[in-house]
Amino acid sequence: MKKFRNFIDGKHVDAASGDTLDIINPATGKVYATSPNSKQADIDAAMAAAQRGFETWKDRKSTRLNSSHQIISYAVFCLKKK
């Protein structure tokens, strides 16, 4: 069974509470994966990590083209991980 996790501060993590939700295939009615049941603590952690990342990133001398290339490269990486 597939287990999804939150991606916070560069790491895949479970929900802070440890709670999960079953993801059900509507065609079969069977559980095929679990997902973190994220709550406010997880949102706060993600927002804090994003703010720290922004503070680091905003001072970089990066062009829009370079930034878009990085995003596309990451998307390709994620697609290959499936």
PDB file of N, CA and C in Angstrom:
ATOM      1  N   MET A   1       0.845  -1.165   0.000  1.00  0.00           N
ATOM      2  CA  MET A   1       0.000   0.000   0.000  1.00  0.00           C
ATOM      3  C   MET A   1       0.898   1.238   0.000  1.00  0.00           C
ATOM      4  N   LYS A   2       0.489   2.218  -0.770  1.00  0.00           N
ATOM      5  CA  LYS A   2       1.260   3.455  -0.885  1.00  0.00           C
ATOM      6  C   LYS A   2       1.018   4.328   0.347  1.00  0.00           C
ATOM      7  N   LYS A   3       2.068   4.988   0.805  1.00  0.00           N
ATOM      8  CA  LYS A   3       1.970   5.884   1.955  1.00  0.00           C
ATOM      9  C   LYS A   3       2.484   7.257   1.538  1.00  0.00           C
ATOM     10  N   PHE A   4       1.593   8.228   1.515  1.00  0.00           N
ATOM     11  CA  PHE A   4       1.978   9.594   1.213  1.00  0.00           C
ATOM     12  C   PHE A   4       2.439  10.273   2.496  1.00  0.00           C
ATOM     13  N   ARG A   5       3.332  11.254   2.338  1.00  0.00           N
ATOM     14  CA  ARG A   5       3.833  12.005   3.493  1.00  0.00           C
ATOM     15  C   ARG A   5       3.882  13.478   3.127  1.00  0.00           C
ATOM     16  N   ASN A   6       3.918  14.327   4.119  1.00  0.00           N
ATOM     17  CA  ASN A   6       4.083  15.755   3.890  1.00  0.00           C
ATOM     18  C   ASN A   6       5.536  16.020   3.495  1.00  0.00           C
ATOM     19  N   PHE A   7       5.748  17.054   2.690  1.00  0.00           N
ATOM     20  CA  PHE A   7       7.106  17.471   2.344  1.00  0.00           C
ATOM     21  C   PHE A   7       7.320  18.837   2.978  1.00  0.00           C
ATOM     22  N   ILE A   8       8.025  18.843   4.116  1.00  0.00           N
ATOM     23  CA  ILE A   8       8.224  20.074   4.881  1.00  0.00           C
ATOM     24  C   ILE A   8       9.711  20.232   5.178  1.00  0.00           C
ATOM     25  N   ASP A   9      10.220  21.399   4.861  1.00  0.00           N
ATOM     26  CA  ASP A   9      11.614  21.746   5.158  1.00  0.00           C
ATOM     27  C   ASP A   9      12.597  20.760   4.520  1.00  0.00           C
ATOM     28  N   GLY A  10      12.273  20.344   3.296  1.00  0.00           N
ATOM     29  CA  GLY A  10      13.173  19.471   2.550  1.00  0.00           C
ATOM     30  C   GLY A  10      13.117  18.009   2.948  1.00  0.00           C
ATOM     31  N   LYS A  11      12.134  17.633   3.788  1.00  0.00           N
ATOM     32  CA  LYS A  11      12.033  16.242   4.237  1.00  0.00           C
ATOM     33  C   LYS A  11      10.607  15.747   4.106  1.00  0.00           C
ATOM     34  N   HIS A  12      10.472  14.468   3.816  1.00  0.00           N
ATOM     35  CA  HIS A  12       9.155  13.834   3.849  1.00  0.00           C
ATOM     36  C   HIS A  12       8.869  13.441   5.289  1.00  0.00           C
ATOM     37  N   VAL A  13       7.759  13.938   5.827  1.00  0.00           N
ATOM     38  CA  VAL A  13       7.427  13.698   7.231  1.00  0.00           C
ATOM     39  C   VAL A  13       5.962  13.309   7.374  1.00  0.00           C
ATOM     40  N   ASP A  14       5.678  12.574   8.434  1.00  0.00           N
ATOM     41  CA  ASP A  14       4.299  12.253   8.778  1.00  0.00           C
ATOM     42  C   ASP A  14       3.665  13.486   9.421  1.00  0.00           C
ATOM     43  N   ALA A  15       2.354  13.440   9.577  1.00  0.00           N
ATOM     44  CA  ALA A  15       1.667  14.507  10.303  1.00  0.00           C
ATOM     45  C   ALA A  15       2.198  14.533  11.740  1.00  0.00           C
ATOM     46  N   ALA A  16       2.281  15.711  12.316  1.00  0.00           N
ATOM     47  CA  ALA A  16       2.793  15.844  13.683  1.00  0.00           C
ATOM     48  C   ALA A  16       1.994  14.982  14.655  1.00  0.00           C
ATOM     49  N   SER A  17       0.703  14.845  14.413  1.00  0.00           N
ATOM     50  CA  SER A  17      -0.165  14.049  15.283  1.00  0.00           C
ATOM     51  C   SER A  17      -0.009  12.551  15.042  1.00  0.00           C
ATOM     52  N   GLY A  18       0.557  12.193  13.896  1.00  0.00           N
ATOM     53  CA  GLY A  18       0.659  10.782  13.523  1.00  0.00           C
ATOM     54  C   GLY A  18      -0.615  10.245  12.897  1.00  0.00           C
ATOM     55  N   ASP A  19      -1.666  11.072  12.855  1.00  0.00           N
ATOM     56  CA  ASP A  19      -2.936  10.645  12.260  1.00  0.00           C
ATOM     57  C   ASP A  19      -2.819  10.504  10.747  1.00  0.00           C
ATOM     58  N   THR A  20      -3.530   9.530  10.208  1.00  0.00           N
ATOM     59  CA  THR A  20      -3.558   9.328   8.757  1.00  0.00           C
ATOM     60  C   THR A  20      -5.005   9.195   8.279  1.00  0.00           C
ATOM     61  N   LEU A  21      -5.165   9.357   6.998  1.00  0.00           N
ATOM     62  CA  LEU A  21      -6.447   9.153   6.334  1.00  0.00           C
ATOM     63  C   LEU A  21      -6.273   8.069   5.286  1.00  0.00           C
ATOM     64  N   ASP A  22      -7.269   7.209   5.146  1.00  0.00           N
ATOM     65  CA  ASP A  22      -7.251   6.212   4.084  1.00  0.00           C
ATOM     66  C   ASP A  22      -7.701   6.861   2.784  1.00  0.00           C
ATOM     67  N   ILE A  23      -7.030   6.525   1.707  1.00  0.00           N
ATOM     68  CA  ILE A  23      -7.431   6.986   0.381  1.00  0.00           C
ATOM     69  C   ILE A  23      -8.031   5.781  -0.327  1.00  0.00           C
ATOM     70  N   ILE A  24      -9.261   5.937  -0.749  1.00  0.00           N
ATOM     71  CA  ILE A  24     -10.020   4.822  -1.303  1.00  0.00           C
ATOM     72  C   ILE A  24     -10.150   4.963  -2.811  1.00  0.00           C
ATOM     73  N   ASN A  25      -9.904   3.864  -3.500  1.00  0.00           N
ATOM     74  CA  ASN A  25     -10.109   3.813  -4.943  1.00  0.00           C
ATOM     75  C   ASN A  25     -11.616   3.751  -5.177  1.00  0.00           C
ATOM     76  N   PRO A  26     -12.200   4.771  -5.826  1.00  0.00           N
ATOM     77  CA  PRO A  26     -13.646   4.783  -6.004  1.00  0.00           C
ATOM     78  C   PRO A  26     -14.157   3.654  -6.907  1.00  0.00           C
ATOM     79  N   ALA A  27     -13.298   3.132  -7.746  1.00  0.00           N
ATOM     80  CA  ALA A  27     -13.714   2.054  -8.642  1.00  0.00           C
ATOM     81  C   ALA A  27     -13.845   0.721  -7.913  1.00  0.00           C
ATOM     82  N   THR A  28     -13.015   0.533  -6.892  1.00  0.00           N
ATOM     83  CA  THR A  28     -13.027  -0.752  -6.185  1.00  0.00           C
ATOM     84  C   THR A  28     -13.558  -0.648  -4.758  1.00  0.00           C
ATOM     85  N   GLY A  29     -13.561   0.563  -4.210  1.00  0.00           N
ATOM     86  CA  GLY A  29     -13.970   0.745  -2.831  1.00  0.00           C
ATOM     87  C   GLY A  29     -12.911   0.311  -1.829  1.00  0.00           C
ATOM     88  N   LYS A  30     -11.717  -0.012  -2.324  1.00  0.00           N
ATOM     89  CA  LYS A  30     -10.647  -0.492  -1.446  1.00  0.00           C
ATOM     90  C   LYS A  30      -9.629   0.611  -1.164  1.00  0.00           C
ATOM     91  N   VAL A  31      -9.041   0.532   0.015  1.00  0.00           N
ATOM     92  CA  VAL A  31      -7.988   1.475   0.394  1.00  0.00           C
ATOM     93  C   VAL A  31      -6.739   1.138  -0.417  1.00  0.00           C
ATOM     94  N   TYR A  32      -6.188   2.146  -1.083  1.00  0.00           N
ATOM     95  CA  TYR A  32      -4.960   1.902  -1.845  1.00  0.00           C
ATOM     96  C   TYR A  32      -3.780   2.716  -1.333  1.00  0.00           C
ATOM     97  N   ALA A  33      -4.050   3.655  -0.411  1.00  0.00           N
ATOM     98  CA  ALA A  33      -2.965   4.482   0.122  1.00  0.00           C
ATOM     99  C   ALA A  33      -3.416   5.131   1.416  1.00  0.00           C
ATOM    100  N   THR A  34      -2.428   5.650   2.150  1.00  0.00           N
ATOM    101  CA  THR A  34      -2.721   6.484   3.315  1.00  0.00           C
ATOM    102  C   THR A  34      -2.063   7.840   3.099  1.00  0.00           C
ATOM    103  N   SER A  35      -2.643   8.828   3.739  1.00  0.00           N
ATOM    104  CA  SER A  35      -2.144  10.190   3.629  1.00  0.00           C
ATOM    105  C   SER A  35      -2.100  10.799   5.026  1.00  0.00           C
ATOM    106  N   PRO A  36      -1.152  11.686   5.301  1.00  0.00           N
ATOM    107  CA  PRO A  36      -1.142  12.320   6.619  1.00  0.00           C
ATOM    108  C   PRO A  36      -2.421  13.143   6.813  1.00  0.00           C
ATOM    109  N   ASN A  37      -2.993  13.080   7.984  1.00  0.00           N
ATOM    110  CA  ASN A  37      -4.130  13.918   8.323  1.00  0.00           C
ATOM    111  C   ASN A  37      -3.565  15.191   8.962  1.00  0.00           C
ATOM    112  N   SER A  38      -3.098  16.075   8.093  1.00  0.00           N
ATOM    113  CA  SER A  38      -2.386  17.273   8.538  1.00  0.00           C
ATOM    114  C   SER A  38      -3.332  18.246   9.235  1.00  0.00           C
ATOM    115  N   LYS A  39      -2.801  18.848  10.276  1.00  0.00           N
ATOM    116  CA  LYS A  39      -3.572  19.811  11.056  1.00  0.00           C
ATOM    117  C   LYS A  39      -2.775  21.110  11.162  1.00  0.00           C
ATOM    118  N   GLN A  40      -3.210  22.006  12.017  1.00  0.00           N
ATOM    119  CA  GLN A  40      -2.603  23.330  12.115  1.00  0.00           C
ATOM    120  C   GLN A  40      -1.108  23.272  12.394  1.00  0.00           C
ATOM    121  N   ALA A  41      -0.665  22.342  13.231  1.00  0.00           N
ATOM    122  CA  ALA A  41       0.773  22.241  13.538  1.00  0.00           C
ATOM    123  C   ALA A  41       1.589  21.955  12.276  1.00  0.00           C
ATOM    124  N   ASP A  42       1.045  21.128  11.385  1.00  0.00           N
ATOM    125  CA  ASP A  42       1.742  20.814  10.133  1.00  0.00           C
ATOM    126  C   ASP A  42       1.762  22.024   9.203  1.00  0.00           C
ATOM    127  N   ILE A  43       0.655  22.737   9.165  1.00  0.00           N
ATOM    128  CA  ILE A  43       0.584  23.948   8.338  1.00  0.00           C
ATOM    129  C   ILE A  43       1.572  24.982   8.854  1.00  0.00           C
ATOM    130  N   ASP A  44       1.609  25.158  10.180  1.00  0.00           N
ATOM    131  CA  ASP A  44       2.549  26.115  10.769  1.00  0.00           C
ATOM    132  C   ASP A  44       4.000  25.747  10.444  1.00  0.00           C
ATOM    133  N   ALA A  45       4.320  24.449  10.532  1.00  0.00           N
ATOM    134  CA  ALA A  45       5.687  23.991  10.225  1.00  0.00           C
ATOM    135  C   ALA A  45       6.023  24.244   8.758  1.00  0.00           C
ATOM    136  N   ALA A  46       5.070  23.970   7.866  1.00  0.00           N
ATOM    137  CA  ALA A  46       5.301  24.184   6.436  1.00  0.00           C
ATOM    138  C   ALA A  46       5.472  25.671   6.125  1.00  0.00           C
ATOM    139  N   MET A  47       4.650  26.508   6.746  1.00  0.00           N
ATOM    140  CA  MET A  47       4.746  27.949   6.507  1.00  0.00           C
ATOM    141  C   MET A  47       6.070  28.509   7.047  1.00  0.00           C
ATOM    142  N   ALA A  48       6.506  28.030   8.200  1.00  0.00           N
ATOM    143  CA  ALA A  48       7.779  28.487   8.761  1.00  0.00           C
ATOM    144  C   ALA A  48       8.943  28.071   7.860  1.00  0.00           C
ATOM    145  N   ALA A  49       8.892  26.845   7.353  1.00  0.00           N
ATOM    146  CA  ALA A  49       9.943  26.367   6.443  1.00  0.00           C
ATOM    147  C   ALA A  49       9.935  27.181   5.153  1.00  0.00           C
ATOM    148  N   ALA A  50       8.755  27.484   4.652  1.00  0.00           N
ATOM    149  CA  ALA A  50       8.660  28.282   3.419  1.00  0.00           C
ATOM    150  C   ALA A  50       9.218  29.685   3.645  1.00  0.00           C
ATOM    151  N   GLN A  51       8.925  30.258   4.784  1.00  0.00           N
ATOM    152  CA  GLN A  51       9.440  31.601   5.093  1.00  0.00           C
ATOM    153  C   GLN A  51      10.959  31.590   5.177  1.00  0.00           C
ATOM    154  N   ARG A  52      11.518  30.570   5.848  1.00  0.00           N
ATOM    155  CA  ARG A  52      12.982  30.466   5.924  1.00  0.00           C
ATOM    156  C   ARG A  52      13.577  30.298   4.520  1.00  0.00           C
ATOM    157  N   GLY A  53      12.958  29.480   3.720  1.00  0.00           N
ATOM    158  CA  GLY A  53      13.436  29.277   2.351  1.00  0.00           C
ATOM    159  C   GLY A  53      13.379  30.558   1.541  1.00  0.00           C
ATOM    160  N   PHE A  54      12.295  31.310   1.709  1.00  0.00           N
ATOM    161  CA  PHE A  54      12.155  32.567   0.985  1.00  0.00           C
ATOM    162  C   PHE A  54      13.238  33.552   1.401  1.00  0.00           C
ATOM    163  N   GLU A  55      13.511  33.622   2.697  1.00  0.00           N
ATOM    164  CA  GLU A  55      14.537  34.558   3.178  1.00  0.00           C
ATOM    165  C   GLU A  55      15.892  34.237   2.560  1.00  0.00           C
ATOM    166  N   THR A  56      16.193  32.967   2.394  1.00  0.00           N
ATOM    167  CA  THR A  56      17.450  32.555   1.764  1.00  0.00           C
ATOM    168  C   THR A  56      17.416  32.829   0.266  1.00  0.00           C
ATOM    169  N   TRP A  57      16.298  32.487  -0.366  1.00  0.00           N
ATOM    170  CA  TRP A  57      16.175  32.568  -1.818  1.00  0.00           C
ATOM    171  C   TRP A  57      16.128  34.007  -2.319  1.00  0.00           C
ATOM    172  N   LYS A  58      15.461  34.898  -1.590  1.00  0.00           N
ATOM    173  CA  LYS A  58      15.227  36.257  -2.107  1.00  0.00           C
ATOM    174  C   LYS A  58      16.514  37.034  -2.344  1.00  0.00           C
ATOM    175  N   ASP A  59      17.579  36.673  -1.631  1.00  0.00           N
ATOM    176  CA  ASP A  59      18.843  37.391  -1.776  1.00  0.00           C
ATOM    177  C   ASP A  59      19.724  36.841  -2.900  1.00  0.00           C
ATOM    178  N   ARG A  60      19.273  35.754  -3.531  1.00  0.00           N
ATOM    179  CA  ARG A  60      20.071  35.170  -4.611  1.00  0.00           C
ATOM    180  C   ARG A  60      19.975  36.019  -5.865  1.00  0.00           C
ATOM    181  N   LYS A  61      21.028  36.033  -6.602  1.00  0.00           N
ATOM    182  CA  LYS A  61      21.052  36.733  -7.885  1.00  0.00           C
ATOM    183  C   LYS A  61      20.608  35.737  -8.960  1.00  0.00           C
ATOM    184  N   SER A  62      19.319  35.501  -9.001  1.00  0.00           N
ATOM    185  CA  SER A  62      18.790  34.495  -9.910  1.00  0.00           C
ATOM    186  C   SER A  62      17.853  35.153 -10.921  1.00  0.00           C
ATOM    187  N   THR A  63      18.007  34.779 -12.159  1.00  0.00           N
ATOM    188  CA  THR A  63      17.111  35.306 -13.183  1.00  0.00           C
ATOM    189  C   THR A  63      15.831  34.493 -13.206  1.00  0.00           C
ATOM    190  N   ARG A  64      14.791  35.034 -13.803  1.00  0.00           N
ATOM    191  CA  ARG A  64      13.536  34.291 -13.933  1.00  0.00           C
ATOM    192  C   ARG A  64      13.739  33.026 -14.751  1.00  0.00           C
ATOM    193  N   LEU A  65      14.568  33.110 -15.767  1.00  0.00           N
ATOM    194  CA  LEU A  65      14.826  31.933 -16.593  1.00  0.00           C
ATOM    195  C   LEU A  65      15.484  30.840 -15.756  1.00  0.00           C
ATOM    196  N   ASN A  66      16.454  31.197 -14.928  1.00  0.00           N
ATOM    197  CA  ASN A  66      17.119  30.219 -14.080  1.00  0.00           C
ATOM    198  C   ASN A  66      16.126  29.616 -13.093  1.00  0.00           C
ATOM    199  N   SER A  67      15.270  30.449 -12.499  1.00  0.00           N
ATOM    200  CA  SER A  67      14.274  29.955 -11.548  1.00  0.00           C
ATOM    201  C   SER A  67      13.307  28.993 -12.221  1.00  0.00           C
ATOM    202  N   SER A  68      12.842  29.342 -13.413  1.00  0.00           N
ATOM    203  CA  SER A  68      11.900  28.454 -14.107  1.00  0.00           C
ATOM    204  C   SER A  68      12.594  27.153 -14.494  1.00  0.00           C
ATOM    205  N   HIS A  69      13.870  27.213 -14.837  1.00  0.00           N
ATOM    206  CA  HIS A  69      14.613  25.996 -15.158  1.00  0.00           C
ATOM    207  C   HIS A  69      14.703  25.090 -13.932  1.00  0.00           C
ATOM    208  N   GLN A  70      14.931  25.678 -12.766  1.00  0.00           N
ATOM    209  CA  GLN A  70      15.001  24.895 -11.531  1.00  0.00           C
ATOM    210  C   GLN A  70      13.665  24.232 -11.225  1.00  0.00           C
ATOM    211  N   ILE A  71      12.576  24.948 -11.421  1.00  0.00           N
ATOM    212  CA  ILE A  71      11.243  24.388 -11.170  1.00  0.00           C
ATOM    213  C   ILE A  71      10.959  23.242 -12.129  1.00  0.00           C
ATOM    214  N   ILE A  72      11.275  23.417 -13.401  1.00  0.00           N
ATOM    215  CA  ILE A  72      11.053  22.359 -14.385  1.00  0.00           C
ATOM    216  C   ILE A  72      11.927  21.153 -14.065  1.00  0.00           C
ATOM    217  N   SER A  73      13.169  21.386 -13.681  1.00  0.00           N
ATOM    218  CA  SER A  73      14.060  20.279 -13.322  1.00  0.00           C
ATOM    219  C   SER A  73      13.506  19.498 -12.136  1.00  0.00           C
ATOM    220  N   TYR A  74      12.972  20.208 -11.149  1.00  0.00           N
ATOM    221  CA  TYR A  74      12.395  19.535  -9.985  1.00  0.00           C
ATOM    222  C   TYR A  74      11.155  18.744 -10.383  1.00  0.00           C
ATOM    223  N   ALA A  75      10.338  19.300 -11.253  1.00  0.00           N
ATOM    224  CA  ALA A  75       9.134  18.588 -11.719  1.00  0.00           C
ATOM    225  C   ALA A  75       9.520  17.296 -12.435  1.00  0.00           C
ATOM    226  N   VAL A  76      10.532  17.345 -13.282  1.00  0.00           N
ATOM    227  CA  VAL A  76      11.004  16.154 -13.983  1.00  0.00           C
ATOM    228  C   VAL A  76      11.513  15.138 -12.968  1.00  0.00           C
ATOM    229  N   PHE A  77      12.257  15.589 -11.981  1.00  0.00           N
ATOM    230  CA  PHE A  77      12.753  14.707 -10.925  1.00  0.00           C
ATOM    231  C   PHE A  77      11.593  14.018 -10.220  1.00  0.00           C
ATOM    232  N   CYS A  78      10.562  14.781  -9.858  1.00  0.00           N
ATOM    233  CA  CYS A  78       9.403  14.202  -9.163  1.00  0.00           C
ATOM    234  C   CYS A  78       8.684  13.179 -10.034  1.00  0.00           C
ATOM    235  N   LEU A  79       8.550  13.475 -11.304  1.00  0.00           N
ATOM    236  CA  LEU A  79       7.863  12.540 -12.214  1.00  0.00           C
ATOM    237  C   LEU A  79       8.636  11.238 -12.358  1.00  0.00           C
ATOM    238  N   LYS A  80       9.957  11.328 -12.334  1.00  0.00           N
ATOM    239  CA  LYS A  80      10.776  10.116 -12.437  1.00  0.00           C
ATOM    240  C   LYS A  80      10.698   9.260 -11.176  1.00  0.00           C
ATOM    241  N   LYS A  81      10.358   9.876 -10.029  1.00  0.00           N
ATOM    242  CA  LYS A  81      10.301   9.165  -8.755  1.00  0.00           C
ATOM    243  C   LYS A  81       9.007   8.349  -8.618  1.00  0.00           C
ATOM    244  N   LYS A  82       8.035   8.553  -9.489  1.00  0.00           N
ATOM    245  CA  LYS A  82       6.745   7.834  -9.385  1.00  0.00           C
ATOM    246  C   LYS A  82       6.920   6.369  -9.580  1.00  0.00           C
TER     247      LYS A  82
END
